[in-house]
Protein backbone atom coordinates (compact mmCIF):
# COMPACT_ATOMS: atom_id res chain seq x y z
CA MET A 1 0.02 0.10 -0.24
CA PHE A 2 0.96 3.66 -0.81
CA GLY A 3 1.21 6.55 2.13
CA ASN A 4 -0.32 9.46 1.39
CA GLU A 5 3.20 11.35 0.65
CA SER A 6 3.89 8.22 -2.32
CA VAL A 7 0.54 8.97 -3.39
CA ARG A 8 0.98 12.88 -3.54
CA GLU A 9 4.32 12.60 -4.98
CA VAL A 10 3.04 10.09 -7.80
CA VAL A 11 0.12 12.84 -8.26
CA ASP A 12 2.57 15.52 -8.58
CA GLN A 13 4.97 13.86 -10.85
CA THR A 14 2.14 12.49 -13.55
CA LYS A 15 1.08 16.59 -13.24
CA SER A 16 4.37 17.78 -14.05
CA ALA A 17 4.71 15.04 -17.05
CA PHE A 18 1.61 15.82 -18.36
CA LYS A 19 1.93 19.71 -18.10
CA ASN A 20 5.28 19.16 -19.83
CA LEU A 21 4.16 16.95 -22.73
CA LEU A 22 1.38 20.39 -23.37
CA PHE A 23 3.61 22.95 -22.66
CA PRO A 24 7.19 22.44 -23.22
CA ALA A 25 10.19 24.24 -21.99
CA PHE A 26 13.03 25.16 -23.49
CA CYS A 27 16.60 26.07 -22.12
CA ARG A 28 17.33 29.54 -23.26
CA ARG A 29 20.73 29.22 -23.44
CA CYS A 30 21.26 26.19 -25.39
CA ASP A 31 17.65 25.07 -26.13
CA ALA A 32 17.85 22.19 -25.03
CA ARG A 33 13.99 20.73 -23.60
CA ILE A 34 13.61 21.13 -20.07
CA LEU A 35 12.06 18.31 -18.30
CA THR A 36 11.69 19.33 -14.97
CA GLU A 37 10.16 22.23 -12.86
CA GLU A 38 13.12 23.12 -10.89
CA ASN A 39 13.86 25.98 -13.65
CA LEU A 40 11.87 26.62 -16.67
CA TYR A 41 14.28 28.85 -17.97
CA TYR A 42 17.52 27.24 -18.02
CA CYS A 43 18.37 23.36 -18.38
CA PRO A 44 20.32 21.53 -15.62
CA GLN A 45 23.70 21.21 -17.91
CA CYS A 46 23.76 24.97 -18.38
CA TRP A 47 23.08 26.19 -14.83
CA SER A 48 25.96 23.82 -13.54
CA GLU A 49 28.46 26.11 -15.25
CA ILE A 50 27.64 29.11 -12.99
CA ARG A 51 30.70 30.27 -11.19
CA LEU A 52 30.20 29.52 -7.50
CA ILE A 53 32.12 31.39 -4.91
CA GLU A 54 34.03 28.25 -2.93
CA ARG A 55 37.26 28.74 -0.57
CA PRO A 56 39.43 30.31 -0.05
CA TYR A 57 37.41 33.96 -0.47
CA CYS A 58 38.06 36.98 1.16
CA SER A 59 36.76 36.96 5.13
CA VAL A 60 35.63 40.08 5.04
CA CYS A 61 34.26 40.98 1.52
CA GLY A 62 33.46 37.78 0.46
CA LYS A 63 35.84 38.49 -3.02
CA PRO A 64 37.19 34.82 -4.14
CA HIS A 65 40.81 34.61 -4.34
CA ASP A 66 42.82 33.03 -7.47
CA LYS A 67 42.96 29.51 -7.17
CA ALA A 68 46.97 29.97 -5.96
CA ALA A 69 46.47 31.87 -3.82
CA GLY A 70 47.77 30.83 -0.18
CA PHE A 71 49.46 27.59 -1.77
CA ALA A 72 45.72 25.96 -2.43
CA GLU A 73 44.92 26.78 1.53
CA ARG A 74 41.37 25.82 1.96
CA ASP A 75 40.90 28.67 4.97
CA ASN A 76 39.38 32.29 4.19
CA PHE A 77 41.96 35.08 4.32
CA PRO A 78 41.40 39.17 4.29
CA CYS A 79 41.91 40.43 0.58
CA ALA A 80 45.04 42.78 -0.20
CA ASP A 81 42.03 45.83 0.19
CA CYS A 82 40.32 44.69 3.62
CA GLY A 83 43.73 43.76 4.79
CA THR A 84 44.70 46.88 5.26
CA GLY A 85 42.33 47.80 8.45
CA LYS A 86 39.99 50.11 6.75
CA ARG A 87 36.84 50.42 8.73
CA ARG A 88 33.60 49.08 7.16
CA PRO A 89 30.24 49.43 8.14
CA TYR A 90 29.45 45.86 7.72
CA GLY A 91 31.31 42.81 9.72
CA ARG A 92 31.62 40.17 6.86
CA MET A 93 29.91 40.18 3.07
CA TYR A 94 29.19 36.65 1.48
CA ALA A 95 27.92 35.86 -2.04
CA ALA A 96 27.05 32.78 -3.65
CA THR A 97 28.39 33.27 -7.28
CA VAL A 98 30.57 35.17 -9.41
CA TYR A 99 28.11 37.78 -11.22
CA ASP A 100 28.52 36.97 -15.03
CA GLY A 101 27.37 35.03 -17.54
CA LEU A 102 24.49 32.86 -16.87
CA VAL A 103 23.85 33.70 -13.21
CA LYS A 104 24.03 37.83 -14.30
CA GLU A 105 21.61 36.88 -17.57
CA ALA A 106 19.19 34.84 -14.92
CA ILE A 107 19.14 38.16 -12.43
CA LEU A 108 18.57 40.65 -14.61
CA LEU A 109 15.67 38.34 -16.10
CA PHE A 110 14.72 37.92 -12.60
CA LYS A 111 14.54 41.79 -11.46
CA TYR A 112 13.36 43.56 -14.67
CA GLY A 113 11.69 40.77 -16.43
CA SER A 114 9.09 39.98 -13.95
CA ARG A 115 10.45 36.30 -14.47
CA GLU A 116 9.10 35.50 -10.79
CA LEU A 117 9.50 31.70 -11.23
CA LEU A 118 13.61 32.48 -11.06
CA VAL A 119 13.43 33.23 -7.43
CA GLY A 120 12.89 29.63 -6.63
CA PRO A 121 16.90 28.24 -8.64
CA LEU A 122 18.51 31.87 -7.47
CA ALA A 123 17.78 31.19 -3.96
CA SER A 124 19.05 27.52 -4.01
CA LEU A 125 22.58 28.73 -4.81
CA MET A 126 22.31 31.26 -1.74
CA ILE A 127 21.00 28.48 0.38
CA GLU A 128 23.60 25.84 -1.02
CA PHE A 129 26.26 27.95 -0.07
CA ALA A 130 24.77 29.71 3.29
CA GLU A 131 24.27 25.61 4.32
CA ARG A 132 28.54 25.18 4.37
CA GLU A 133 29.34 28.93 5.13
CA VAL A 134 27.22 30.54 7.18
CA ASP A 135 26.13 30.80 11.47
CA PHE A 136 22.63 31.97 11.04
CA GLU A 137 21.94 30.96 14.77
CA GLN A 138 23.86 34.47 15.54
CA TYR A 139 21.40 36.93 13.51
CA ASP A 140 18.30 38.39 14.99
CA ALA A 141 16.55 39.14 11.97
CA VAL A 142 16.65 39.22 8.34
CA VAL A 143 16.28 42.30 6.56
CA PRO A 144 16.26 42.78 2.56
CA VAL A 145 17.56 45.94 0.70
CA PRO A 146 14.37 47.62 0.54
CA LEU A 147 13.15 49.27 -3.55
CA HIS A 148 11.71 52.78 -3.38
CA ARG A 149 7.84 52.21 -3.73
CA VAL A 150 7.49 53.86 -7.08
CA ARG A 151 10.25 51.27 -8.38
CA GLN A 152 8.52 48.40 -6.62
CA ARG A 153 4.87 49.10 -7.94
CA GLU A 154 6.36 48.93 -11.48
CA ARG A 155 8.11 45.98 -10.91
CA GLY A 156 5.36 44.35 -8.80
CA PHE A 157 7.92 43.11 -6.13
CA ASN A 158 10.85 43.30 -4.32
CA GLN A 159 13.39 40.74 -5.56
CA ALA A 160 15.31 40.80 -2.30
CA GLU A 161 12.38 40.29 0.02
CA GLU A 162 11.39 37.60 -2.34
CA LEU A 163 15.06 35.87 -1.77
CA ALA A 164 15.00 36.33 1.63
CA ARG A 165 11.54 34.56 2.21
CA CYS A 166 12.98 31.80 0.39
CA LEU A 167 15.63 31.68 2.82
CA THR A 168 13.35 31.81 6.03
CA GLU A 169 11.97 28.80 4.44
CA ARG A 170 14.65 26.51 4.68
CA PHE A 171 16.14 27.95 7.88
CA SER A 172 13.02 28.45 10.01
CA ASP A 173 14.69 29.87 12.90
CA LEU A 174 15.07 33.47 10.71
CA THR A 175 12.88 35.81 10.61
CA VAL A 176 12.48 38.62 7.89
CA ARG A 177 11.85 42.26 8.94
CA ASN A 178 11.26 45.04 6.14
CA GLY A 179 13.33 47.16 8.91
CA LEU A 180 14.70 49.66 5.84
CA LEU A 181 12.97 52.04 3.74
CA ARG A 182 14.61 53.32 0.60
CA ILE A 183 13.38 57.25 0.89
CA ARG A 184 14.89 58.53 -2.07
CA ASP A 185 13.70 56.99 -5.56
CA THR A 186 17.59 57.00 -7.07
CA ARG A 187 18.87 56.61 -10.28
CA GLN A 188 19.82 53.17 -11.27
CA GLN A 189 22.93 52.03 -10.11
CA THR A 190 23.73 49.66 -12.89
CA ARG A 191 24.32 53.13 -15.41
CA LEU A 192 26.94 54.46 -12.77
CA SER A 193 30.31 54.54 -11.72
CA GLY A 194 31.67 53.29 -8.69
CA VAL A 195 32.16 57.15 -7.49
CA GLU A 196 28.96 58.06 -8.58
CA ARG A 197 27.16 55.16 -6.57
CA ARG A 198 28.07 55.83 -3.54
CA ARG A 199 26.87 59.69 -4.21
CA ASN A 200 23.81 58.42 -5.65
CA ILE A 201 23.11 56.00 -2.94
CA LYS A 202 24.09 58.52 0.12
CA GLY A 203 20.93 58.94 2.12
CA ALA A 204 18.36 56.82 0.29
CA PHE A 205 17.61 54.63 3.20
CA ALA A 206 16.28 55.17 6.51
CA LEU A 207 15.08 52.75 9.62
CA ALA A 208 11.36 51.92 9.24
CA GLN A 209 9.53 53.31 12.61
CA GLU A 210 8.65 49.86 13.69
CA MET A 211 12.48 48.56 13.70
CA ASP A 212 14.15 48.22 17.14
CA CYS A 213 17.86 46.94 16.00
CA ARG A 214 19.74 48.12 18.96
CA GLY A 215 22.34 45.93 19.90
CA LYS A 216 21.42 43.43 17.33
CA THR A 217 23.02 41.09 14.45
CA ILE A 218 21.26 41.82 11.49
CA LEU A 219 21.90 39.81 8.22
CA LEU A 220 21.66 42.57 5.09
CA LEU A 221 20.29 40.10 2.25
CA ASP A 222 20.38 41.57 -1.47
CA ASP A 223 20.26 39.97 -5.24
CA VAL A 224 23.84 41.55 -6.43
CA ILE A 225 26.80 43.13 -4.59
CA THR A 226 28.75 45.23 -7.49
CA THR A 227 30.86 47.82 -5.75
CA GLY A 228 28.82 47.34 -2.32
CA ALA A 229 27.83 51.14 -1.86
CA THR A 230 24.16 49.64 -1.71
CA ALA A 231 25.05 47.33 0.85
CA GLU A 232 27.34 49.84 2.69
CA GLU A 233 24.67 52.44 2.81
CA CYS A 234 22.51 49.95 4.13
CA ALA A 235 24.58 48.66 6.72
CA ARG A 236 25.06 52.12 7.98
CA THR A 237 21.80 53.07 8.27
CA LEU A 238 20.73 50.05 10.70
CA ARG A 239 24.05 50.45 12.49
CA ARG A 240 23.25 54.33 13.16
CA GLY A 241 19.95 53.01 14.33
CA GLY A 242 22.01 50.80 17.36
CA ALA A 243 22.58 47.54 15.42
CA LYS A 244 25.61 45.81 16.61
CA THR A 245 26.57 43.85 13.81
CA VAL A 246 25.71 43.78 9.92
CA ASP A 247 26.49 41.11 7.38
CA VAL A 248 25.81 41.04 3.81
CA LEU A 249 24.54 38.15 2.29
CA ALA A 250 23.89 38.07 -1.58
CA VAL A 251 23.49 35.50 -4.32
CA ALA A 252 25.89 36.96 -6.81
CA ARG A 253 29.19 39.54 -6.57
CA ALA A 254 30.99 41.55 -9.34
CA VAL A 255 34.62 40.46 -8.88
CA THR A 256 37.89 40.48 -11.38
CA LEU A 257 39.01 37.24 -12.01
CA ARG A 258 41.91 35.52 -13.83
CA ASP A 259 40.79 33.46 -16.73
CA ASP A 260 41.81 29.79 -14.51
CA TYR A 261 39.42 30.59 -12.05
């Protein structure tokens, strides 16, 4: 006799097979037929080519070191920039993948193409990294980087908040708090240089009225880290509100790597 869970699994598989027969999906990269519903935009082979960030990576900013760094040492250590002791508003910054190629395409499609179905595959990349590298017991709350209300109304959702909710579904002890507000509708950061990004984002965030972060350890969550300007300004706002520590987690970050990474 089948148990209830086994019956449901068979029914779900049957529905999935029937749906795939009527409405086939094809990989946006290689045009191969997609036979599962885990990712309806990219096949498993193409998805597996995403460059994951693995040890060793910088123990402060999270940028991966070249493979030869540390003579194959697997412990993390500060990069040249972070090793100078420069004060930063965040404690540690983590990212699961290198922001290029397919993952860059997928994130842009997720954000600007309103393809919400990509949140699962993208969140899975972040979750797989976090299971290995992040100690969630230390955090009192997960705070997604906010969108301005005008931008969120146009887009229909906040990608950072969607990713945060996926994270808390996996790690049930975590709580999502919309503790930050974007009080200025800034220009899109992707079109600006590093210096312009910092000027553009300065003073753009404020603590939500109900957010009490005094003495708390906060995990700030976003989809992408490029120059780090947005994450730093958000972390600075939380620290001014009394947060003890702010760490940052993202699906991807922009880095410059040697070709043999």
